[in-house]
Amino acid sequence: MKTKTKWAILLGLLLSVAAFGYAIYYGATTEKRQRDEQINWAKEAVKATLLDGETALFRNVRVTADNVITCGEVNGKNLYGAYTGFTGFDVTGTPDTGHPYVEMESSKEGQPGYHTLVKERCGN
């Protein structure tokens, strides 16, 4: 009887650890999926403001700690088909709100004032 009880306790403990591990893993993947969805949503909002959005190049895209603002840099093409240089952007809102508010830097990379908006809204 004691051996069966020990095995039952051990089995219960193992199942509890497995369930706890699964809950932690699932929670982490859900959060990552939500961030990825928000980043993709923000990129689409930025693309919609550009002349040739489908050719946009993005870098340093991230979501703020409060999950409300997505920041990054985008490089788009001009009327001649040439890339114009990276410009900072931020998108306020979430896919749940459905209404992105896009703000773009007025300065290009390497010019005075570059990253003023992104630093103000997003930190580094």
PDB file of N, CA and C in Angstrom:
ATOM      1  N   MET A   1       0.820  -1.202   0.000  1.00  0.00           N
ATOM      2  CA  MET A   1       0.000   0.000   0.000  1.00  0.00           C
ATOM      3  C   MET A   1       0.859   1.259   0.000  1.00  0.00           C
ATOM      4  N   LYS A   2       1.934   1.253   0.753  1.00  0.00           N
ATOM      5  CA  LYS A   2       2.797   2.411   0.820  1.00  0.00           C
ATOM      6  C   LYS A   2       3.465   2.665  -0.518  1.00  0.00           C
ATOM      7  N   THR A   3       3.844   1.624  -1.245  1.00  0.00           N
ATOM      8  CA  THR A   3       4.496   1.769  -2.535  1.00  0.00           C
ATOM      9  C   THR A   3       3.542   2.400  -3.537  1.00  0.00           C
ATOM     10  N   LYS A   4       2.278   1.979  -3.545  1.00  0.00           N
ATOM     11  CA  LYS A   4       1.283   2.555  -4.454  1.00  0.00           C
ATOM     12  C   LYS A   4       1.055   4.032  -4.142  1.00  0.00           C
ATOM     13  N   THR A   5       1.044   4.360  -2.879  1.00  0.00           N
ATOM     14  CA  THR A   5       0.841   5.753  -2.481  1.00  0.00           C
ATOM     15  C   THR A   5       2.021   6.610  -2.937  1.00  0.00           C
ATOM     16  N   LYS A   6       3.229   6.091  -2.780  1.00  0.00           N
ATOM     17  CA  LYS A   6       4.416   6.832  -3.215  1.00  0.00           C
ATOM     18  C   LYS A   6       4.380   7.058  -4.717  1.00  0.00           C
ATOM     19  N   TRP A   7       4.012   6.030  -5.466  1.00  0.00           N
ATOM     20  CA  TRP A   7       3.945   6.164  -6.922  1.00  0.00           C
ATOM     21  C   TRP A   7       2.853   7.147  -7.336  1.00  0.00           C
ATOM     22  N   ALA A   8       1.738   7.118  -6.634  1.00  0.00           N
ATOM     23  CA  ALA A   8       0.645   8.045  -6.944  1.00  0.00           C
ATOM     24  C   ALA A   8       1.071   9.489  -6.669  1.00  0.00           C
ATOM     25  N   ILE A   9       1.767   9.688  -5.574  1.00  0.00           N
ATOM     26  CA  ILE A   9       2.255  11.031  -5.246  1.00  0.00           C
ATOM     27  C   ILE A   9       3.279  11.484  -6.281  1.00  0.00           C
ATOM     28  N   LEU A  10       4.188  10.598  -6.644  1.00  0.00           N
ATOM     29  CA  LEU A  10       5.209  10.921  -7.642  1.00  0.00           C
ATOM     30  C   LEU A  10       4.565  11.241  -8.990  1.00  0.00           C
ATOM     31  N   LEU A  11       3.598  10.446  -9.388  1.00  0.00           N
ATOM     32  CA  LEU A  11       2.893  10.689 -10.645  1.00  0.00           C
ATOM     33  C   LEU A  11       2.149  12.028 -10.600  1.00  0.00           C
ATOM     34  N   GLY A  12       1.494  12.307  -9.503  1.00  0.00           N
ATOM     35  CA  GLY A  12       0.788  13.577  -9.347  1.00  0.00           C
ATOM     36  C   GLY A  12       1.739  14.758  -9.406  1.00  0.00           C
ATOM     37  N   LEU A  13       2.900  14.604  -8.783  1.00  0.00           N
ATOM     38  CA  LEU A  13       3.915  15.656  -8.801  1.00  0.00           C
ATOM     39  C   LEU A  13       4.430  15.880 -10.220  1.00  0.00           C
ATOM     40  N   LEU A  14       4.719  14.807 -10.930  1.00  0.00           N
ATOM     41  CA  LEU A  14       5.197  14.927 -12.307  1.00  0.00           C
ATOM     42  C   LEU A  14       4.157  15.589 -13.211  1.00  0.00           C
ATOM     43  N   LEU A  15       2.911  15.210 -13.054  1.00  0.00           N
ATOM     44  CA  LEU A  15       1.851  15.824 -13.854  1.00  0.00           C
ATOM     45  C   LEU A  15       1.693  17.306 -13.525  1.00  0.00           C
ATOM     46  N   SER A  16       1.845  17.654 -12.267  1.00  0.00           N
ATOM     47  CA  SER A  16       1.753  19.061 -11.869  1.00  0.00           C
ATOM     48  C   SER A  16       2.882  19.880 -12.476  1.00  0.00           C
ATOM     49  N   VAL A  17       4.100  19.342 -12.444  1.00  0.00           N
ATOM     50  CA  VAL A  17       5.245  20.034 -13.025  1.00  0.00           C
ATOM     51  C   VAL A  17       5.056  20.192 -14.528  1.00  0.00           C
ATOM     52  N   ALA A  18       4.583  19.149 -15.194  1.00  0.00           N
ATOM     53  CA  ALA A  18       4.343  19.218 -16.636  1.00  0.00           C
ATOM     54  C   ALA A  18       3.283  20.265 -16.957  1.00  0.00           C
ATOM     55  N   ALA A  19       2.210  20.298 -16.204  1.00  0.00           N
ATOM     56  CA  ALA A  19       1.143  21.273 -16.444  1.00  0.00           C
ATOM     57  C   ALA A  19       1.645  22.692 -16.211  1.00  0.00           C
ATOM     58  N   PHE A  20       2.430  22.888 -15.180  1.00  0.00           N
ATOM     59  CA  PHE A  20       2.993  24.209 -14.887  1.00  0.00           C
ATOM     60  C   PHE A  20       3.931  24.650 -16.008  1.00  0.00           C
ATOM     61  N   GLY A  21       4.786  23.743 -16.459  1.00  0.00           N
ATOM     62  CA  GLY A  21       5.699  24.051 -17.565  1.00  0.00           C
ATOM     63  C   GLY A  21       4.958  24.405 -18.833  1.00  0.00           C
ATOM     64  N   TYR A  22       3.901  23.677 -19.130  1.00  0.00           N
ATOM     65  CA  TYR A  22       3.097  23.964 -20.316  1.00  0.00           C
ATOM     66  C   TYR A  22       2.451  25.341 -20.206  1.00  0.00           C
ATOM     67  N   ALA A  23       1.944  25.677 -19.032  1.00  0.00           N
ATOM     68  CA  ALA A  23       1.298  26.979 -18.838  1.00  0.00           C
ATOM     69  C   ALA A  23       2.293  28.116 -19.045  1.00  0.00           C
ATOM     70  N   ILE A  24       3.500  27.958 -18.546  1.00  0.00           N
ATOM     71  CA  ILE A  24       4.524  28.987 -18.728  1.00  0.00           C
ATOM     72  C   ILE A  24       4.886  29.105 -20.204  1.00  0.00           C
ATOM     73  N   TYR A  25       5.102  27.967 -20.875  1.00  0.00           N
ATOM     74  CA  TYR A  25       5.458  27.974 -22.297  1.00  0.00           C
ATOM     75  C   TYR A  25       4.344  28.586 -23.123  1.00  0.00           C
ATOM     76  N   TYR A  26       3.118  28.183 -22.897  1.00  0.00           N
ATOM     77  CA  TYR A  26       1.991  28.695 -23.679  1.00  0.00           C
ATOM     78  C   TYR A  26       1.827  30.190 -23.472  1.00  0.00           C
ATOM     79  N   GLY A  27       1.983  30.662 -22.239  1.00  0.00           N
ATOM     80  CA  GLY A  27       1.865  32.092 -21.960  1.00  0.00           C
ATOM     81  C   GLY A  27       2.934  32.892 -22.683  1.00  0.00           C
ATOM     82  N   ALA A  28       4.159  32.382 -22.710  1.00  0.00           N
ATOM     83  CA  ALA A  28       5.252  33.086 -23.379  1.00  0.00           C
ATOM     84  C   ALA A  28       5.031  33.121 -24.889  1.00  0.00           C
ATOM     85  N   THR A  29       4.577  32.030 -25.469  1.00  0.00           N
ATOM     86  CA  THR A  29       4.373  32.011 -26.916  1.00  0.00           C
ATOM     87  C   THR A  29       3.180  32.886 -27.298  1.00  0.00           C
ATOM     88  N   THR A  30       2.173  32.953 -26.456  1.00  0.00           N
ATOM     89  CA  THR A  30       1.025  33.810 -26.735  1.00  0.00           C
ATOM     90  C   THR A  30       1.453  35.274 -26.734  1.00  0.00           C
ATOM     91  N   GLU A  31       2.277  35.660 -25.764  1.00  0.00           N
ATOM     92  CA  GLU A  31       2.750  37.041 -25.696  1.00  0.00           C
ATOM     93  C   GLU A  31       3.594  37.379 -26.929  1.00  0.00           C
ATOM     94  N   LYS A  32       4.472  36.473 -27.339  1.00  0.00           N
ATOM     95  CA  LYS A  32       5.299  36.702 -28.518  1.00  0.00           C
ATOM     96  C   LYS A  32       4.428  36.799 -29.768  1.00  0.00           C
ATOM     97  N   ARG A  33       3.438  35.953 -29.859  1.00  0.00           N
ATOM     98  CA  ARG A  33       2.529  35.999 -31.009  1.00  0.00           C
ATOM     99  C   ARG A  33       1.780  37.331 -31.062  1.00  0.00           C
ATOM    100  N   GLN A  34       1.346  37.835 -29.921  1.00  0.00           N
ATOM    101  CA  GLN A  34       0.645  39.120 -29.872  1.00  0.00           C
ATOM    102  C   GLN A  34       1.576  40.261 -30.281  1.00  0.00           C
ATOM    103  N   ARG A  35       2.829  40.229 -29.836  1.00  0.00           N
ATOM    104  CA  ARG A  35       3.796  41.265 -30.229  1.00  0.00           C
ATOM    105  C   ARG A  35       4.074  41.198 -31.723  1.00  0.00           C
ATOM    106  N   ASP A  36       4.255  39.982 -32.250  1.00  0.00           N
ATOM    107  CA  ASP A  36       4.492  39.827 -33.689  1.00  0.00           C
ATOM    108  C   ASP A  36       3.301  40.345 -34.492  1.00  0.00           C
ATOM    109  N   GLU A  37       2.099  40.049 -34.011  1.00  0.00           N
ATOM    110  CA  GLU A  37       0.891  40.538 -34.688  1.00  0.00           C
ATOM    111  C   GLU A  37       0.837  42.060 -34.660  1.00  0.00           C
ATOM    112  N   GLN A  38       1.184  42.649 -33.523  1.00  0.00           N
ATOM    113  CA  GLN A  38       1.164  44.110 -33.411  1.00  0.00           C
ATOM    114  C   GLN A  38       2.214  44.737 -34.321  1.00  0.00           C
ATOM    115  N   ILE A  39       3.399  44.146 -34.390  1.00  0.00           N
ATOM    116  CA  ILE A  39       4.459  44.672 -35.260  1.00  0.00           C
ATOM    117  C   ILE A  39       4.030  44.596 -36.720  1.00  0.00           C
ATOM    118  N   ASN A  40       3.473  43.475 -37.132  1.00  0.00           N
ATOM    119  CA  ASN A  40       3.008  43.343 -38.523  1.00  0.00           C
ATOM    120  C   ASN A  40       1.894  44.339 -38.832  1.00  0.00           C
ATOM    121  N   TRP A  41       0.990  44.539 -37.883  1.00  0.00           N
ATOM    122  CA  TRP A  41      -0.109  45.495 -38.048  1.00  0.00           C
ATOM    123  C   TRP A  41       0.448  46.911 -38.208  1.00  0.00           C
ATOM    124  N   ALA A  42       1.451  47.256 -37.382  1.00  0.00           N
ATOM    125  CA  ALA A  42       2.059  48.589 -37.454  1.00  0.00           C
ATOM    126  C   ALA A  42       2.799  48.769 -38.774  1.00  0.00           C
ATOM    127  N   LYS A  43       3.520  47.751 -39.216  1.00  0.00           N
ATOM    128  CA  LYS A  43       4.223  47.841 -40.498  1.00  0.00           C
ATOM    129  C   LYS A  43       3.240  48.085 -41.644  1.00  0.00           C
ATOM    130  N   GLU A  44       2.117  47.416 -41.626  1.00  0.00           N
ATOM    131  CA  GLU A  44       1.111  47.629 -42.670  1.00  0.00           C
ATOM    132  C   GLU A  44       0.573  49.064 -42.623  1.00  0.00           C
ATOM    133  N   ALA A  45       0.404  49.609 -41.421  1.00  0.00           N
ATOM    134  CA  ALA A  45      -0.065  50.989 -41.283  1.00  0.00           C
ATOM    135  C   ALA A  45       0.961  51.965 -41.850  1.00  0.00           C
ATOM    136  N   VAL A  46       2.246  51.713 -41.588  1.00  0.00           N
ATOM    137  CA  VAL A  46       3.308  52.577 -42.116  1.00  0.00           C
ATOM    138  C   VAL A  46       3.361  52.445 -43.635  1.00  0.00           C
ATOM    139  N   LYS A  47       3.293  51.235 -44.150  1.00  0.00           N
ATOM    140  CA  LYS A  47       3.326  51.008 -45.603  1.00  0.00           C
ATOM    141  C   LYS A  47       2.227  51.795 -46.307  1.00  0.00           C
ATOM    142  N   ALA A  48       1.061  51.884 -45.667  1.00  0.00           N
ATOM    143  CA  ALA A  48      -0.080  52.586 -46.269  1.00  0.00           C
ATOM    144  C   ALA A  48       0.189  54.078 -46.427  1.00  0.00           C
ATOM    145  N   THR A  49       1.149  54.622 -45.677  1.00  0.00           N
ATOM    146  CA  THR A  49       1.450  56.053 -45.772  1.00  0.00           C
ATOM    147  C   THR A  49       2.538  56.349 -46.810  1.00  0.00           C
ATOM    148  N   LEU A  50       3.197  55.315 -47.331  1.00  0.00           N
ATOM    149  CA  LEU A  50       4.320  55.507 -48.239  1.00  0.00           C
ATOM    150  C   LEU A  50       3.881  55.461 -49.697  1.00  0.00           C
ATOM    151  N   LEU A  51       4.693  56.039 -50.553  1.00  0.00           N
ATOM    152  CA  LEU A  51       4.427  56.059 -51.987  1.00  0.00           C
ATOM    153  C   LEU A  51       4.390  54.650 -52.564  1.00  0.00           C
ATOM    154  N   ASP A  52       5.373  53.827 -52.205  1.00  0.00           N
ATOM    155  CA  ASP A  52       5.453  52.441 -52.673  1.00  0.00           C
ATOM    156  C   ASP A  52       5.675  51.554 -51.455  1.00  0.00           C
ATOM    157  N   GLY A  53       4.626  51.371 -50.688  1.00  0.00           N
ATOM    158  CA  GLY A  53       4.716  50.674 -49.408  1.00  0.00           C
ATOM    159  C   GLY A  53       5.214  49.243 -49.482  1.00  0.00           C
ATOM    160  N   GLU A  54       4.951  48.568 -50.581  1.00  0.00           N
ATOM    161  CA  GLU A  54       5.355  47.166 -50.692  1.00  0.00           C
ATOM    162  C   GLU A  54       6.866  46.991 -50.759  1.00  0.00           C
ATOM    163  N   THR A  55       7.599  48.043 -51.082  1.00  0.00           N
ATOM    164  CA  THR A  55       9.058  47.953 -51.156  1.00  0.00           C
ATOM    165  C   THR A  55       9.736  48.485 -49.895  1.00  0.00           C
ATOM    166  N   ALA A  56       8.960  48.821 -48.878  1.00  0.00           N
ATOM    167  CA  ALA A  56       9.504  49.389 -47.640  1.00  0.00           C
ATOM    168  C   ALA A  56      10.441  48.408 -46.945  1.00  0.00           C
ATOM    169  N   LEU A  57      11.517  48.948 -46.402  1.00  0.00           N
ATOM    170  CA  LEU A  57      12.462  48.177 -45.602  1.00  0.00           C
ATOM    171  C   LEU A  57      12.350  48.657 -44.160  1.00  0.00           C
ATOM    172  N   PHE A  58      12.279  47.731 -43.227  1.00  0.00           N
ATOM    173  CA  PHE A  58      12.129  48.073 -41.815  1.00  0.00           C
ATOM    174  C   PHE A  58      13.329  47.574 -41.032  1.00  0.00           C
ATOM    175  N   ARG A  59      13.659  48.309 -39.961  1.00  0.00           N
ATOM    176  CA  ARG A  59      14.678  47.846 -39.024  1.00  0.00           C
ATOM    177  C   ARG A  59      14.362  48.396 -37.633  1.00  0.00           C
ATOM    178  N   ASN A  60      14.912  47.741 -36.632  1.00  0.00           N
ATOM    179  CA  ASN A  60      14.770  48.151 -35.229  1.00  0.00           C
ATOM    180  C   ASN A  60      13.313  48.328 -34.810  1.00  0.00           C
ATOM    181  N   VAL A  61      12.424  47.487 -35.283  1.00  0.00           N
ATOM    182  CA  VAL A  61      11.001  47.598 -34.934  1.00  0.00           C
ATOM    183  C   VAL A  61      10.768  46.893 -33.604  1.00  0.00           C
ATOM    184  N   ARG A  62      10.081  47.590 -32.701  1.00  0.00           N
ATOM    185  CA  ARG A  62       9.824  47.056 -31.372  1.00  0.00           C
ATOM    186  C   ARG A  62       8.527  47.627 -30.820  1.00  0.00           C
ATOM    187  N   VAL A  63       8.020  46.980 -29.798  1.00  0.00           N
ATOM    188  CA  VAL A  63       6.794  47.420 -29.127  1.00  0.00           C
ATOM    189  C   VAL A  63       7.179  47.910 -27.739  1.00  0.00           C
ATOM    190  N   THR A  64       6.621  49.035 -27.313  1.00  0.00           N
ATOM    191  CA  THR A  64       6.930  49.571 -25.988  1.00  0.00           C
ATOM    192  C   THR A  64       6.390  48.640 -24.905  1.00  0.00           C
ATOM    193  N   ALA A  65       6.874  48.826 -23.700  1.00  0.00           N
ATOM    194  CA  ALA A  65       6.517  47.950 -22.579  1.00  0.00           C
ATOM    195  C   ALA A  65       5.013  47.930 -22.308  1.00  0.00           C
ATOM    196  N   ASP A  66       4.321  49.035 -22.584  1.00  0.00           N
ATOM    197  CA  ASP A  66       2.875  49.080 -22.332  1.00  0.00           C
ATOM    198  C   ASP A  66       2.059  48.507 -23.494  1.00  0.00           C
ATOM    199  N   ASN A  67       2.741  48.007 -24.521  1.00  0.00           N
ATOM    200  CA  ASN A  67       2.093  47.378 -25.689  1.00  0.00           C
ATOM    201  C   ASN A  67       1.161  48.306 -26.450  1.00  0.00           C
ATOM    202  N   VAL A  68       1.406  49.608 -26.402  1.00  0.00           N
ATOM    203  CA  VAL A  68       0.532  50.560 -27.080  1.00  0.00           C
ATOM    204  C   VAL A  68       1.226  51.208 -28.279  1.00  0.00           C
ATOM    205  N   ILE A  69       2.541  51.399 -28.208  1.00  0.00           N
ATOM    206  CA  ILE A  69       3.255  52.090 -29.273  1.00  0.00           C
ATOM    207  C   ILE A  69       4.264  51.134 -29.913  1.00  0.00           C
ATOM    208  N   THR A  70       4.246  51.103 -31.242  1.00  0.00           N
ATOM    209  CA  THR A  70       5.235  50.334 -32.001  1.00  0.00           C
ATOM    210  C   THR A  70       6.163  51.332 -32.664  1.00  0.00           C
ATOM    211  N   CYS A  71       7.472  51.146 -32.479  1.00  0.00           N
ATOM    212  CA  CYS A  71       8.472  52.080 -32.994  1.00  0.00           C
ATOM    213  C   CYS A  71       9.441  51.360 -33.906  1.00  0.00           C
ATOM    214  N   GLY A  72      10.099  52.136 -34.741  1.00  0.00           N
ATOM    215  CA  GLY A  72      11.120  51.562 -35.597  1.00  0.00           C
ATOM    216  C   GLY A  72      11.597  52.558 -36.626  1.00  0.00           C
ATOM    217  N   GLU A  73      12.235  52.034 -37.650  1.00  0.00           N
ATOM    218  CA  GLU A  73      12.732  52.846 -38.755  1.00  0.00           C
ATOM    219  C   GLU A  73      12.278  52.208 -40.062  1.00  0.00           C
ATOM    220  N   VAL A  74      11.981  53.054 -41.045  1.00  0.00           N
ATOM    221  CA  VAL A  74      11.543  52.571 -42.355  1.00  0.00           C
ATOM    222  C   VAL A  74      12.295  53.322 -43.445  1.00  0.00           C
ATOM    223  N   ASN A  75      12.585  52.620 -44.523  1.00  0.00           N
ATOM    224  CA  ASN A  75      13.221  53.213 -45.690  1.00  0.00           C
ATOM    225  C   ASN A  75      12.292  52.956 -46.867  1.00  0.00           C
ATOM    226  N   GLY A  76      11.812  54.012 -47.491  1.00  0.00           N
ATOM    227  CA  GLY A  76      10.885  53.882 -48.613  1.00  0.00           C
ATOM    228  C   GLY A  76      11.453  54.484 -49.883  1.00  0.00           C
ATOM    229  N   LYS A  77      10.788  54.179 -50.980  1.00  0.00           N
ATOM    230  CA  LYS A  77      11.242  54.683 -52.279  1.00  0.00           C
ATOM    231  C   LYS A  77      10.550  55.990 -52.638  1.00  0.00           C
ATOM    232  N   ASN A  78      11.251  56.830 -53.428  1.00  0.00           N
ATOM    233  CA  ASN A  78      10.678  58.085 -53.914  1.00  0.00           C
ATOM    234  C   ASN A  78      10.101  57.877 -55.319  1.00  0.00           C
ATOM    235  N   LEU A  79       9.707  58.964 -55.966  1.00  0.00           N
ATOM    236  CA  LEU A  79       9.109  58.880 -57.308  1.00  0.00           C
ATOM    237  C   LEU A  79      10.050  58.292 -58.353  1.00  0.00           C
ATOM    238  N   TYR A  80      11.342  58.394 -58.115  1.00  0.00           N
ATOM    239  CA  TYR A  80      12.324  57.871 -59.063  1.00  0.00           C
ATOM    240  C   TYR A  80      12.668  56.404 -58.806  1.00  0.00           C
ATOM    241  N   GLY A  81      12.088  55.836 -57.764  1.00  0.00           N
ATOM    242  CA  GLY A  81      12.343  54.436 -57.442  1.00  0.00           C
ATOM    243  C   GLY A  81      13.577  54.210 -56.591  1.00  0.00           C
ATOM    244  N   ALA A  82      14.152  55.285 -56.068  1.00  0.00           N
ATOM    245  CA  ALA A  82      15.340  55.174 -55.222  1.00  0.00           C
ATOM    246  C   ALA A  82      14.936  55.236 -53.755  1.00  0.00           C
ATOM    247  N   TYR A  83      15.634  54.476 -52.928  1.00  0.00           N
ATOM    248  CA  TYR A  83      15.381  54.547 -51.487  1.00  0.00           C
ATOM    249  C   TYR A  83      15.867  55.897 -50.962  1.00  0.00           C
ATOM    250  N   THR A  84      15.112  56.461 -50.028  1.00  0.00           N
ATOM    251  CA  THR A  84      15.377  57.813 -49.548  1.00  0.00           C
ATOM    252  C   THR A  84      16.179  57.864 -48.253  1.00  0.00           C
ATOM    253  N   GLY A  85      16.356  56.776 -47.580  1.00  0.00           N
ATOM    254  CA  GLY A  85      17.055  56.748 -46.296  1.00  0.00           C
ATOM    255  C   GLY A  85      16.092  56.419 -45.173  1.00  0.00           C
ATOM    256  N   PHE A  86      16.617  55.848 -44.122  1.00  0.00           N
ATOM    257  CA  PHE A  86      15.767  55.428 -43.009  1.00  0.00           C
ATOM    258  C   PHE A  86      15.217  56.623 -42.246  1.00  0.00           C
ATOM    259  N   THR A  87      13.964  56.515 -41.879  1.00  0.00           N
ATOM    260  CA  THR A  87      13.242  57.521 -41.123  1.00  0.00           C
ATOM    261  C   THR A  87      12.558  56.831 -39.946  1.00  0.00           C
ATOM    262  N   GLY A  88      12.631  57.443 -38.779  1.00  0.00           N
ATOM    263  CA  GLY A  88      11.979  56.873 -37.608  1.00  0.00           C
ATOM    264  C   GLY A  88      10.463  57.015 -37.700  1.00  0.00           C
ATOM    265  N   PHE A  89       9.765  56.076 -37.085  1.00  0.00           N
ATOM    266  CA  PHE A  89       8.297  56.134 -37.042  1.00  0.00           C
ATOM    267  C   PHE A  89       7.804  55.579 -35.719  1.00  0.00           C
ATOM    268  N   ASP A  90       6.586  55.950 -35.373  1.00  0.00           N
ATOM    269  CA  ASP A  90       5.879  55.257 -34.300  1.00  0.00           C
ATOM    270  C   ASP A  90       4.417  55.134 -34.689  1.00  0.00           C
ATOM    271  N   VAL A  91       3.830  54.054 -34.271  1.00  0.00           N
ATOM    272  CA  VAL A  91       2.418  53.780 -34.522  1.00  0.00           C
ATOM    273  C   VAL A  91       1.754  53.583 -33.175  1.00  0.00           C
ATOM    274  N   THR A  92       0.779  54.412 -32.896  1.00  0.00           N
ATOM    275  CA  THR A  92       0.039  54.303 -31.641  1.00  0.00           C
ATOM    276  C   THR A  92      -1.237  53.509 -31.895  1.00  0.00           C
ATOM    277  N   GLY A  93      -1.521  52.584 -31.010  1.00  0.00           N
ATOM    278  CA  GLY A  93      -2.705  51.748 -31.126  1.00  0.00           C
ATOM    279  C   GLY A  93      -2.323  50.285 -31.139  1.00  0.00           C
ATOM    280  N   THR A  94      -3.333  49.444 -31.192  1.00  0.00           N
ATOM    281  CA  THR A  94      -3.131  48.001 -31.245  1.00  0.00           C
ATOM    282  C   THR A  94      -4.068  47.421 -32.299  1.00  0.00           C
ATOM    283  N   PRO A  95      -3.815  46.201 -32.745  1.00  0.00           N
ATOM    284  CA  PRO A  95      -4.734  45.590 -33.711  1.00  0.00           C
ATOM    285  C   PRO A  95      -6.170  45.537 -33.192  1.00  0.00           C
ATOM    286  N   ASP A  96      -6.344  45.463 -31.868  1.00  0.00           N
ATOM    287  CA  ASP A  96      -7.688  45.417 -31.293  1.00  0.00           C
ATOM    288  C   ASP A  96      -8.440  46.730 -31.485  1.00  0.00           C
ATOM    289  N   THR A  97      -7.716  47.861 -31.449  1.00  0.00           N
ATOM    290  CA  THR A  97      -8.385  49.154 -31.620  1.00  0.00           C
ATOM    291  C   THR A  97      -8.765  49.382 -33.068  1.00  0.00           C
ATOM    292  N   GLY A  98      -7.945  48.852 -33.989  1.00  0.00           N
ATOM    293  CA  GLY A  98      -8.256  48.959 -35.408  1.00  0.00           C
ATOM    294  C   GLY A  98      -7.983  50.311 -36.031  1.00  0.00           C
ATOM    295  N   HIS A  99      -7.480  51.271 -35.271  1.00  0.00           N
ATOM    296  CA  HIS A  99      -7.240  52.612 -35.795  1.00  0.00           C
ATOM    297  C   HIS A  99      -5.811  53.042 -35.489  1.00  0.00           C
ATOM    298  N   PRO A 100      -4.845  52.724 -36.359  1.00  0.00           N
ATOM    299  CA  PRO A 100      -3.469  53.127 -36.086  1.00  0.00           C
ATOM    300  C   PRO A 100      -3.257  54.615 -36.324  1.00  0.00           C
ATOM    301  N   TYR A 101      -2.441  55.218 -35.498  1.00  0.00           N
ATOM    302  CA  TYR A 101      -2.033  56.607 -35.687  1.00  0.00           C
ATOM    303  C   TYR A 101      -0.536  56.577 -35.962  1.00  0.00           C
ATOM    304  N   VAL A 102      -0.143  56.922 -37.191  1.00  0.00           N
ATOM    305  CA  VAL A 102       1.247  56.836 -37.628  1.00  0.00           C
ATOM    306  C   VAL A 102       1.897  58.207 -37.580  1.00  0.00           C
ATOM    307  N   GLU A 103       3.057  58.288 -36.941  1.00  0.00           N
ATOM    308  CA  GLU A 103       3.862  59.502 -36.951  1.00  0.00           C
ATOM    309  C   GLU A 103       5.231  59.148 -37.525  1.00  0.00           C
ATOM    310  N   MET A 104       5.740  60.033 -38.401  1.00  0.00           N
ATOM    311  CA  MET A 104       7.037  59.817 -39.024  1.00  0.00           C
ATOM    312  C   MET A 104       7.982  60.949 -38.638  1.00  0.00           C
ATOM    313  N   GLU A 105       9.274  60.628 -38.525  1.00  0.00           N
ATOM    314  CA  GLU A 105      10.295  61.646 -38.287  1.00  0.00           C
ATOM    315  C   GLU A 105      10.322  62.604 -39.473  1.00  0.00           C
ATOM    316  N   SER A 106      10.660  63.850 -39.221  1.00  0.00           N
ATOM    317  CA  SER A 106      10.805  64.800 -40.323  1.00  0.00           C
ATOM    318  C   SER A 106      12.232  64.800 -40.858  1.00  0.00           C
ATOM    319  N   SER A 107      13.180  64.230 -40.104  1.00  0.00           N
ATOM    320  CA  SER A 107      14.588  64.187 -40.518  1.00  0.00           C
ATOM    321  C   SER A 107      14.955  62.777 -40.952  1.00  0.00           C
ATOM    322  N   LYS A 108      15.880  62.698 -41.893  1.00  0.00           N
ATOM    323  CA  LYS A 108      16.405  61.418 -42.344  1.00  0.00           C
ATOM    324  C   LYS A 108      17.629  61.043 -41.516  1.00  0.00           C
ATOM    325  N   GLU A 109      18.001  59.783 -41.597  1.00  0.00           N
ATOM    326  CA  GLU A 109      19.179  59.295 -40.891  1.00  0.00           C
ATOM    327  C   GLU A 109      20.395  60.153 -41.255  1.00  0.00           C
ATOM    328  N   GLY A 110      21.163  60.548 -40.252  1.00  0.00           N
ATOM    329  CA  GLY A 110      22.364  61.345 -40.475  1.00  0.00           C
ATOM    330  C   GLY A 110      22.124  62.842 -40.441  1.00  0.00           C
ATOM    331  N   GLN A 111      20.872  63.284 -40.416  1.00  0.00           N
ATOM    332  CA  GLN A 111      20.566  64.715 -40.368  1.00  0.00           C
ATOM    333  C   GLN A 111      20.307  65.136 -38.923  1.00  0.00           C
ATOM    334  N   PRO A 112      20.502  66.437 -38.618  1.00  0.00           N
ATOM    335  CA  PRO A 112      20.209  66.919 -37.262  1.00  0.00           C
ATOM    336  C   PRO A 112      18.746  66.662 -36.903  1.00  0.00           C
ATOM    337  N   GLY A 113      18.525  66.262 -35.677  1.00  0.00           N
ATOM    338  CA  GLY A 113      17.162  66.022 -35.216  1.00  0.00           C
ATOM    339  C   GLY A 113      16.657  64.619 -35.462  1.00  0.00           C
ATOM    340  N   TYR A 114      17.471  63.788 -36.111  1.00  0.00           N
ATOM    341  CA  TYR A 114      17.018  62.423 -36.376  1.00  0.00           C
ATOM    342  C   TYR A 114      16.814  61.677 -35.071  1.00  0.00           C
ATOM    343  N   HIS A 115      15.790  60.940 -35.000  1.00  0.00           N
ATOM    344  CA  HIS A 115      15.379  60.130 -33.844  1.00  0.00           C
ATOM    345  C   HIS A 115      14.763  60.944 -32.717  1.00  0.00           C
ATOM    346  N   THR A 116      14.466  62.192 -32.925  1.00  0.00           N
ATOM    347  CA  THR A 116      13.843  62.989 -31.868  1.00  0.00           C
ATOM    348  C   THR A 116      12.494  62.392 -31.485  1.00  0.00           C
ATOM    349  N   LEU A 117      11.657  62.101 -32.470  1.00  0.00           N
ATOM    350  CA  LEU A 117      10.330  61.556 -32.216  1.00  0.00           C
ATOM    351  C   LEU A 117      10.421  60.180 -31.567  1.00  0.00           C
ATOM    352  N   VAL A 118      11.223  59.315 -32.147  1.00  0.00           N
ATOM    353  CA  VAL A 118      11.321  57.951 -31.643  1.00  0.00           C
ATOM    354  C   VAL A 118      11.869  57.944 -30.219  1.00  0.00           C
ATOM    355  N   LYS A 119      12.890  58.752 -29.935  1.00  0.00           N
ATOM    356  CA  LYS A 119      13.430  58.820 -28.582  1.00  0.00           C
ATOM    357  C   LYS A 119      12.387  59.334 -27.600  1.00  0.00           C
ATOM    358  N   GLU A 120      11.630  60.324 -28.029  1.00  0.00           N
ATOM    359  CA  GLU A 120      10.618  60.913 -27.155  1.00  0.00           C
ATOM    360  C   GLU A 120       9.502  59.925 -26.850  1.00  0.00           C
ATOM    361  N   ARG A 121       9.043  59.210 -27.845  1.00  0.00           N
ATOM    362  CA  ARG A 121       7.905  58.324 -27.683  1.00  0.00           C
ATOM    363  C   ARG A 121       8.278  56.914 -27.242  1.00  0.00           C
ATOM    364  N   CYS A 122       9.469  56.473 -27.622  1.00  0.00           N
ATOM    365  CA  CYS A 122       9.797  55.058 -27.460  1.00  0.00           C
ATOM    366  C   CYS A 122      11.049  54.786 -26.655  1.00  0.00           C
ATOM    367  N   GLY A 123      11.715  55.802 -26.198  1.00  0.00           N
ATOM    368  CA  GLY A 123      12.991  55.577 -25.523  1.00  0.00           C
ATOM    369  C   GLY A 123      14.096  55.530 -26.558  1.00  0.00           C
ATOM    370  N   ASN A 124      15.099  54.737 -26.316  1.00  0.00           N
ATOM    371  CA  ASN A 124      16.245  54.658 -27.228  1.00  0.00           C
ATOM    372  C   ASN A 124      15.788  54.625 -28.635  1.00  0.00           C
TER     373      ASN A 124
END
